[in-house]
Amino acid sequence: MPNIQDHALAVGALGLEKRPFDALDSLVLTQLVYMPMEGLMDRGERPTVAQAWAFIREHVDFERLDVFQKKRYRLFECCAGLPRYRGWPMRDYVNAIDPAREMQFCACAFDLPGGERYIAFRGTDLTIAGWKEDLNMSFMTVPSQKEAVDYVERQGRQGAALRLGGHSKGGNLAVYAGACVDPAVQERILRVYSFDGPGMDEETLGSPGYDRISARIESYIPQSSVVGMLLHYHPVYTVVRSASVGILQHDAMTWQVENGDFVRHDGLDMSGQITDKAIHDWLQGMDREQRRELVDTLYQVVDAAQAELVTDLIEDWRDSAVRILEAIRELDPQAKVNVRRMLRSLFSSGAGGVVRTVLSHLAGPAKHGDGER
């Protein structure tokens, strides 16, 4: 089944006057911003997509990229040769990393034909460390959200009509910035696109800014979404069919495209529904401090697996499960129940099922009354 790169090739000869900018173009740009571009726009340069690709080809070692970045590298190469994308100027690339603040913020703007500007926010990939910031959003406004608001306001003051978008955490940043920017800038926002991005906290969802922007938000999630089901989420979303399974559906390059549109799926599959209800019901019963303690403990436990990527947990599931089990056994009883429950939710379907099964087997059956099923 074709994916977003196949779609780019299919429409690559068409200008925006023949096929207006849409969610598929947005997803393409959210993948391009994952590529490292330090040094390309440091002095205000505005390279085209084709010029940015020439820089990436020279400075990025393809063989050292992970499997997800290799796909994005090839997509960038593809777009650089297509009339639709290759001439779009890029500007204001920012990649700010602050370990002390647990912040990684990256964004880049694209000047579209006709005077509009698209702001792409980089998300987390499937690194374990990146997930901690996503989970932090369940109890706090994270630094990257504040950076996203500032970035959009700077772009908005330059007068262009804006489109915002992002994949994973980037989708959350796009929605959060759209809801929280100054009303004068918000009026310039034409559309906000979120691709399997974590949802919003209740305070943001109930804000006047969110109410003003909500009709301009397009949210897309795969049928077994985990990341997009975190927190409270935008109440209206489109489910897209992925060629992968379980948590690996978070990889947008696995999303299926046909006849110029996403292949729609009739709602979340059963595992996605279970994950949605389990995480929401459970987290809503916790206050902010309880969520903070859970996320810190969960990160400590998963870090014991010595895995860099979520996929490492799956590929090396025997060793990962043993290390995680040992870390869980050191916890107090309630923390043990909470962490096991969250791990089962995060790896509730598809390939992650082997991890869930082994964890359940090694840790023993849940005791009656601990709230697990």
Protein backbone atom coordinates (compact mmCIF):
# COMPACT_ATOMS: atom_id res chain seq x y z
CA MET A 1 0.00 0.00 0.00
CA PRO A 2 1.41 3.46 -0.89
CA ASN A 3 2.68 5.73 1.88
CA ILE A 4 3.33 9.47 2.11
CA GLN A 5 6.46 9.27 -0.07
CA ASP A 6 4.54 7.48 -2.80
CA HIS A 7 1.93 10.22 -2.57
CA ALA A 8 4.58 12.94 -2.87
CA LEU A 9 5.84 11.30 -6.06
CA ALA A 10 2.29 11.08 -7.41
CA VAL A 11 1.51 14.79 -6.92
CA GLY A 12 5.05 16.10 -7.26
CA ALA A 13 4.46 17.72 -10.64
CA LEU A 14 1.41 19.67 -9.44
CA GLY A 15 1.71 23.20 -8.09
CA LEU A 16 -0.57 24.48 -5.34
CA GLU A 17 -2.77 26.14 -7.94
CA LYS A 18 -3.67 22.67 -9.25
CA ARG A 19 -3.71 20.82 -5.93
CA PRO A 20 -4.04 23.12 -2.89
CA PHE A 21 -2.00 22.51 0.24
CA ASP A 22 -3.60 19.83 2.41
CA ALA A 23 -2.98 17.49 5.33
CA LEU A 24 -0.79 15.18 3.24
CA ASP A 25 1.54 18.07 2.38
CA SER A 26 1.54 18.94 6.07
CA LEU A 27 2.59 15.41 7.02
CA VAL A 28 5.43 15.55 4.48
CA LEU A 29 6.81 18.74 6.02
CA THR A 30 6.52 17.38 9.57
CA GLN A 31 8.80 14.54 8.49
CA LEU A 32 11.35 16.80 6.77
CA VAL A 33 11.88 18.83 9.96
CA TYR A 34 13.24 15.71 11.69
CA MET A 35 16.41 15.99 9.60
CA PRO A 36 19.35 17.74 11.36
CA MET A 37 20.01 21.11 9.72
CA GLU A 38 22.35 22.83 12.18
CA GLY A 39 24.54 25.30 10.33
CA LEU A 40 22.23 25.72 7.35
CA MET A 41 20.15 28.70 8.51
CA ASP A 42 22.26 30.08 11.35
CA ARG A 43 22.68 33.52 9.75
CA GLY A 44 19.17 34.00 8.45
CA GLU A 45 19.62 32.04 5.22
CA ARG A 46 16.47 30.89 3.42
CA PRO A 47 17.43 27.78 1.45
CA THR A 48 14.92 26.00 -0.71
CA VAL A 49 14.01 22.39 0.01
CA ALA A 50 16.37 21.37 -2.81
CA GLN A 51 19.22 23.42 -1.33
CA ALA A 52 18.53 22.03 2.14
CA TRP A 53 18.72 18.52 0.71
CA ALA A 54 22.13 19.28 -0.82
CA PHE A 55 23.32 20.37 2.63
CA ILE A 56 21.90 17.25 4.30
CA ARG A 57 23.42 14.96 1.70
CA GLU A 58 26.83 16.49 2.40
CA HIS A 59 26.64 16.68 6.19
CA VAL A 60 24.50 13.71 7.30
CA ASP A 61 25.86 10.17 7.33
CA PHE A 62 23.01 8.00 6.11
CA GLU A 63 24.50 4.81 7.54
CA ARG A 64 24.53 6.24 11.06
CA LEU A 65 20.85 7.17 11.02
CA ASP A 66 18.28 5.02 12.80
CA VAL A 67 15.64 3.20 10.79
CA PHE A 68 13.11 6.03 11.15
CA GLN A 69 15.51 8.77 10.14
CA LYS A 70 16.60 6.78 7.10
CA LYS A 71 13.01 6.88 5.86
CA ARG A 72 12.85 10.65 6.38
CA TYR A 73 16.20 11.10 4.66
CA ARG A 74 14.81 9.34 1.58
CA LEU A 75 11.62 11.42 1.72
CA PHE A 76 13.69 14.63 1.81
CA GLU A 77 15.71 13.40 -1.18
CA CYS A 78 12.46 12.66 -2.99
CA CYS A 79 10.92 16.09 -2.30
CA ALA A 80 14.09 17.87 -3.40
CA GLY A 81 13.54 16.52 -6.91
CA LEU A 82 9.84 17.32 -7.19
CA PRO A 83 8.54 20.61 -8.67
CA ARG A 84 5.82 20.83 -6.01
CA TYR A 85 8.23 20.98 -3.07
CA ARG A 86 11.78 21.67 -4.22
CA GLY A 87 11.48 25.44 -4.54
CA TRP A 88 9.76 26.13 -1.21
CA PRO A 89 12.05 28.38 0.87
CA MET A 90 12.81 27.35 4.44
CA ARG A 91 13.63 29.70 7.30
CA ASP A 92 14.23 30.08 11.02
CA TYR A 93 15.33 26.55 11.85
CA VAL A 94 15.69 26.19 15.63
CA ASN A 95 16.81 23.15 17.59
CA ALA A 96 17.17 23.98 21.28
CA ILE A 97 18.16 21.19 23.65
CA ASP A 98 18.33 21.79 27.40
CA PRO A 99 18.77 18.57 29.43
CA ALA A 100 18.43 20.44 32.72
CA ARG A 101 14.93 21.55 31.72
CA GLU A 102 14.13 18.20 30.06
CA MET A 103 13.47 20.19 26.89
CA GLN A 104 14.04 19.47 23.23
CA PHE A 105 12.40 21.98 20.92
CA CYS A 106 12.80 22.06 17.16
CA ALA A 107 10.87 24.00 14.52
CA CYS A 108 11.29 25.29 10.99
CA ALA A 109 9.12 27.45 8.75
CA PHE A 110 8.40 26.97 5.04
CA ASP A 111 7.28 29.83 2.77
CA LEU A 112 4.52 28.44 0.56
CA PRO A 113 3.63 29.77 -2.89
CA GLY A 114 0.90 32.39 -2.52
CA GLY A 115 2.26 34.00 0.64
CA GLU A 116 1.28 31.51 3.33
CA ARG A 117 3.82 30.18 5.83
CA TYR A 118 3.87 26.68 7.27
CA ILE A 119 5.45 26.06 10.69
CA ALA A 120 6.61 22.49 11.26
CA PHE A 121 7.34 21.33 14.81
CA ARG A 122 9.62 18.33 15.25
CA GLY A 123 8.26 15.61 17.49
CA THR A 124 9.90 12.92 19.51
CA ASP A 125 10.91 9.79 17.70
CA LEU A 126 10.77 6.41 19.40
CA THR A 127 13.59 7.17 21.82
CA ILE A 128 12.92 6.29 25.44
CA ALA A 129 14.14 9.72 26.57
CA GLY A 130 11.77 11.45 24.19
CA TRP A 131 8.80 9.66 25.70
CA LYS A 132 9.47 11.19 29.10
CA GLU A 133 8.74 14.68 27.81
CA ASP A 134 5.52 13.43 26.20
CA LEU A 135 4.44 11.88 29.49
CA ASN A 136 5.43 15.03 31.39
CA MET A 137 2.63 16.77 29.53
CA SER A 138 0.16 14.87 31.71
CA PHE A 139 0.98 17.04 34.72
CA MET A 140 2.73 20.22 33.53
CA THR A 141 3.22 22.73 30.77
CA VAL A 142 6.56 21.61 29.37
CA PRO A 143 9.22 24.13 28.23
CA SER A 144 8.87 23.15 24.56
CA GLN A 145 5.21 24.22 24.63
CA LYS A 146 6.21 27.70 25.79
CA GLU A 147 8.91 27.82 23.10
CA ALA A 148 6.31 26.87 20.47
CA VAL A 149 4.08 29.79 21.48
CA ASP A 150 7.01 32.22 21.24
CA TYR A 151 8.05 30.82 17.86
CA VAL A 152 4.57 31.18 16.34
CA GLU A 153 4.18 34.70 17.69
CA ARG A 154 7.50 35.72 16.10
CA GLN A 155 6.39 34.28 12.78
CA GLY A 156 2.93 35.80 13.09
CA ARG A 157 4.30 39.30 13.59
CA GLN A 158 5.85 39.09 10.12
CA GLY A 159 2.41 39.31 8.53
CA ALA A 160 1.95 35.98 6.73
CA ALA A 161 -1.07 33.72 7.04
CA LEU A 162 0.02 30.67 9.03
CA ARG A 163 -0.43 26.92 9.03
CA LEU A 164 0.95 24.91 11.96
CA GLY A 165 1.67 21.22 12.12
CA GLY A 166 3.64 18.48 13.78
CA HIS A 167 3.98 14.75 14.29
CA SER A 168 4.13 13.14 17.74
CA LYS A 169 5.06 15.79 20.32
CA GLY A 170 5.19 18.25 17.43
CA GLY A 171 1.44 17.80 16.95
CA ASN A 172 0.85 18.73 20.57
CA LEU A 173 3.10 21.79 20.17
CA ALA A 174 1.16 22.91 17.09
CA VAL A 175 -2.20 22.64 18.86
CA TYR A 176 -0.93 24.17 22.10
CA ALA A 177 0.66 27.11 20.28
CA GLY A 178 -2.48 27.60 18.20
CA ALA A 179 -4.56 27.80 21.37
CA CYS A 180 -2.20 29.99 23.41
CA VAL A 181 -0.76 32.62 21.05
CA ASP A 182 -1.91 36.21 21.18
CA PRO A 183 -5.42 36.57 19.65
CA ALA A 184 -4.08 38.88 16.93
CA VAL A 185 -1.66 36.16 15.81
CA GLN A 186 -4.28 33.46 16.24
CA GLU A 187 -6.44 35.23 13.66
CA ARG A 188 -3.70 34.60 11.08
CA ILE A 189 -3.76 30.82 11.61
CA LEU A 190 -5.57 29.05 8.78
CA ARG A 191 -5.13 25.46 9.94
CA VAL A 192 -3.47 23.35 12.63
CA TYR A 193 -2.48 19.74 11.89
CA SER A 194 -1.66 17.13 14.53
CA PHE A 195 -0.38 13.68 13.53
CA ASP A 196 -0.60 11.23 16.45
CA GLY A 197 0.25 14.03 18.83
CA PRO A 198 -0.46 13.76 22.57
CA GLY A 199 -3.61 15.60 23.55
CA MET A 200 -4.17 18.64 25.72
CA ASP A 201 -4.60 19.04 29.44
CA GLU A 202 -8.04 20.04 30.72
CA GLU A 203 -7.00 23.64 31.40
CA THR A 204 -5.95 24.17 27.77
CA LEU A 205 -9.01 22.37 26.39
CA GLY A 206 -11.25 24.64 28.44
CA SER A 207 -9.48 27.87 27.52
CA PRO A 208 -10.99 30.62 25.32
CA GLY A 209 -7.99 30.33 23.00
CA TYR A 210 -8.65 26.66 22.35
CA ASP A 211 -12.31 27.35 21.79
CA ARG A 212 -11.42 29.94 19.12
CA ILE A 213 -9.02 27.63 17.26
CA SER A 214 -10.71 24.22 17.68
CA ALA A 215 -12.65 24.32 14.39
CA ARG A 216 -9.36 24.82 12.52
CA ILE A 217 -7.63 21.76 14.02
CA GLU A 218 -7.22 18.54 12.03
CA SER A 219 -6.08 15.54 14.10
CA TYR A 220 -4.98 12.21 12.65
CA ILE A 221 -4.08 9.02 14.53
CA PRO A 222 -3.39 5.41 13.48
CA GLN A 223 -5.84 2.69 14.42
CA SER A 224 -3.79 1.40 17.38
CA SER A 225 -2.67 4.82 18.55
CA VAL A 226 -0.82 5.02 21.85
CA VAL A 227 0.90 8.42 21.72
CA GLY A 228 -2.19 10.21 20.41
CA MET A 229 -4.28 8.71 23.18
CA LEU A 230 -2.16 10.21 25.96
CA LEU A 231 -3.84 12.86 28.11
CA HIS A 232 -7.30 14.08 27.14
CA TYR A 233 -6.85 14.48 23.39
CA HIS A 234 -8.74 16.56 20.90
CA PRO A 235 -12.30 15.15 20.78
CA VAL A 236 -12.47 15.04 16.95
CA TYR A 237 -9.91 12.99 15.04
CA THR A 238 -9.53 10.93 11.88
CA VAL A 239 -8.23 7.38 12.17
CA VAL A 240 -5.69 6.41 9.49
CA ARG A 241 -4.75 2.87 8.54
CA SER A 242 -1.13 1.93 9.18
CA ALA A 243 0.81 -0.91 7.58
CA SER A 244 2.55 -1.60 10.89
CA VAL A 245 1.39 -2.99 14.23
CA GLY A 246 1.04 -1.74 17.78
CA ILE A 247 3.20 1.13 18.92
CA LEU A 248 5.18 1.00 15.65
CA GLN A 249 2.17 2.62 13.97
CA HIS A 250 3.43 5.86 15.47
CA ASP A 251 5.87 5.92 12.53
CA ALA A 252 4.00 8.16 10.06
CA MET A 253 5.90 6.64 7.16
CA THR A 254 3.79 3.50 7.71
CA TRP A 255 0.50 5.37 7.25
CA GLN A 256 -1.35 4.33 4.12
CA VAL A 257 -2.33 6.73 1.34
CA GLU A 258 -4.49 6.00 -1.68
CA ASN A 259 -6.11 8.13 -4.39
CA GLY A 260 -4.68 11.33 -2.96
CA ASP A 261 -5.92 10.87 0.60
CA PHE A 262 -5.28 8.92 3.77
CA VAL A 263 -6.79 5.46 3.89
CA ARG A 264 -9.36 5.85 6.62
CA HIS A 265 -9.99 3.24 9.30
CA ASP A 266 -13.41 2.83 10.89
CA GLY A 267 -12.45 4.01 14.35
CA LEU A 268 -9.78 2.77 16.72
CA ASP A 269 -9.28 -0.98 16.80
CA MET A 270 -9.98 -2.81 20.05
CA SER A 271 -6.47 -2.41 21.45
CA GLY A 272 -6.58 1.32 20.75
CA GLN A 273 -9.94 1.63 22.50
CA ILE A 274 -8.63 -0.27 25.51
CA THR A 275 -5.52 1.90 25.69
CA ASP A 276 -7.62 5.07 25.37
CA LYS A 277 -10.02 4.15 28.16
CA ALA A 278 -7.39 2.66 30.48
CA ILE A 279 -5.03 5.62 30.31
CA HIS A 280 -7.74 8.27 30.52
CA ASP A 281 -9.71 6.68 33.37
CA TRP A 282 -6.55 6.04 35.32
CA LEU A 283 -4.76 9.37 34.86
CA GLN A 284 -7.89 11.39 35.51
CA GLY A 285 -8.00 9.85 38.99
CA MET A 286 -4.55 11.30 39.82
CA ASP A 287 -3.52 14.79 40.79
CA ARG A 288 -0.49 16.51 39.24
CA GLU A 289 1.99 15.36 41.87
CA GLN A 290 0.85 11.75 41.60
CA ARG A 291 1.30 11.89 37.83
CA ARG A 292 4.75 13.41 38.23
CA GLU A 293 5.80 10.61 40.59
CA LEU A 294 4.43 7.98 38.20
CA VAL A 295 6.25 9.37 35.16
CA ASP A 296 9.55 9.64 37.07
CA THR A 297 9.20 6.09 38.37
CA LEU A 298 8.16 4.73 34.97
CA TYR A 299 11.14 6.37 33.31
CA GLN A 300 13.46 4.92 35.96
CA VAL A 301 12.07 1.43 35.39
CA VAL A 302 12.20 1.54 31.59
CA ASP A 303 15.68 3.09 31.70
CA ALA A 304 16.81 -0.05 33.51
CA ALA A 305 16.27 -1.96 30.25
CA GLN A 306 19.26 -0.07 28.82
CA ALA A 307 17.33 0.56 25.60
CA GLU A 308 17.59 3.73 23.54
CA LEU A 309 14.56 3.10 21.35
CA VAL A 310 11.11 1.73 22.12
CA THR A 311 11.75 -0.77 19.34
CA ASP A 312 14.78 -2.03 21.29
CA LEU A 313 12.39 -3.13 24.02
CA ILE A 314 10.53 -5.21 21.46
CA GLU A 315 13.48 -6.60 19.52
CA ASP A 316 15.40 -7.54 22.69
CA TRP A 317 12.32 -8.30 24.69
CA ARG A 318 13.75 -11.16 26.77
CA ASP A 319 16.63 -9.12 28.19
CA SER A 320 14.49 -5.99 28.44
CA ALA A 321 11.75 -7.78 30.35
CA VAL A 322 14.20 -9.27 32.86
CA ARG A 323 15.86 -5.90 33.56
CA ILE A 324 12.51 -4.12 33.84
CA LEU A 325 11.21 -6.81 36.17
CA GLU A 326 14.19 -6.42 38.47
CA ALA A 327 13.60 -2.65 38.61
CA ILE A 328 9.90 -3.14 39.33
CA ARG A 329 10.63 -5.52 42.20
CA GLU A 330 12.49 -2.71 43.97
CA LEU A 331 9.38 -0.50 44.06
CA ASP A 332 6.86 -0.19 46.83
CA PRO A 333 3.61 -2.17 46.25
CA GLN A 334 1.44 0.68 44.91
CA ALA A 335 4.17 2.03 42.65
CA LYS A 336 4.68 -1.50 41.36
CA VAL A 337 1.00 -1.79 40.42
CA ASN A 338 0.97 1.63 38.74
CA VAL A 339 4.09 1.02 36.65
CA ARG A 340 3.01 -2.42 35.52
CA ARG A 341 -0.35 -1.01 34.54
CA MET A 342 1.17 1.82 32.49
CA LEU A 343 3.60 -0.52 30.76
CA ARG A 344 0.76 -2.79 29.76
CA SER A 345 -1.13 0.19 28.35
CA LEU A 346 1.84 1.55 26.41
CA PHE A 347 2.63 -1.87 24.93
CA SER A 348 -0.94 -3.05 24.68
CA SER A 349 -1.04 -4.33 21.11
CA GLY A 350 0.80 -5.74 18.15
CA ALA A 351 4.54 -6.30 18.51
CA GLY A 352 4.50 -4.82 21.99
CA GLY A 353 2.36 -7.73 23.10
CA VAL A 354 5.41 -9.93 23.58
CA VAL A 355 6.79 -7.46 26.10
CA ARG A 356 3.45 -7.24 27.87
CA THR A 357 3.07 -11.01 27.98
CA VAL A 358 6.55 -11.62 29.34
CA LEU A 359 6.15 -8.90 31.95
CA SER A 360 2.87 -10.40 33.10
CA HIS A 361 4.35 -13.89 33.22
CA LEU A 362 7.52 -12.95 35.07
CA ALA A 363 5.84 -10.59 37.50
CA GLY A 364 3.11 -13.05 38.32
CA PRO A 365 -0.66 -12.52 38.18
CA ALA A 366 -2.12 -9.33 39.57
CA LYS A 367 -3.55 -9.74 43.02
CA HIS A 368 -7.27 -9.36 43.50
CA GLY A 369 -8.17 -5.74 44.19
CA ASP A 370 -5.10 -4.10 42.65
CA GLY A 371 -7.23 -2.63 39.89
CA GLU A 372 -5.59 -4.51 37.00
CA ARG A 373 -7.30 -6.69 34.44
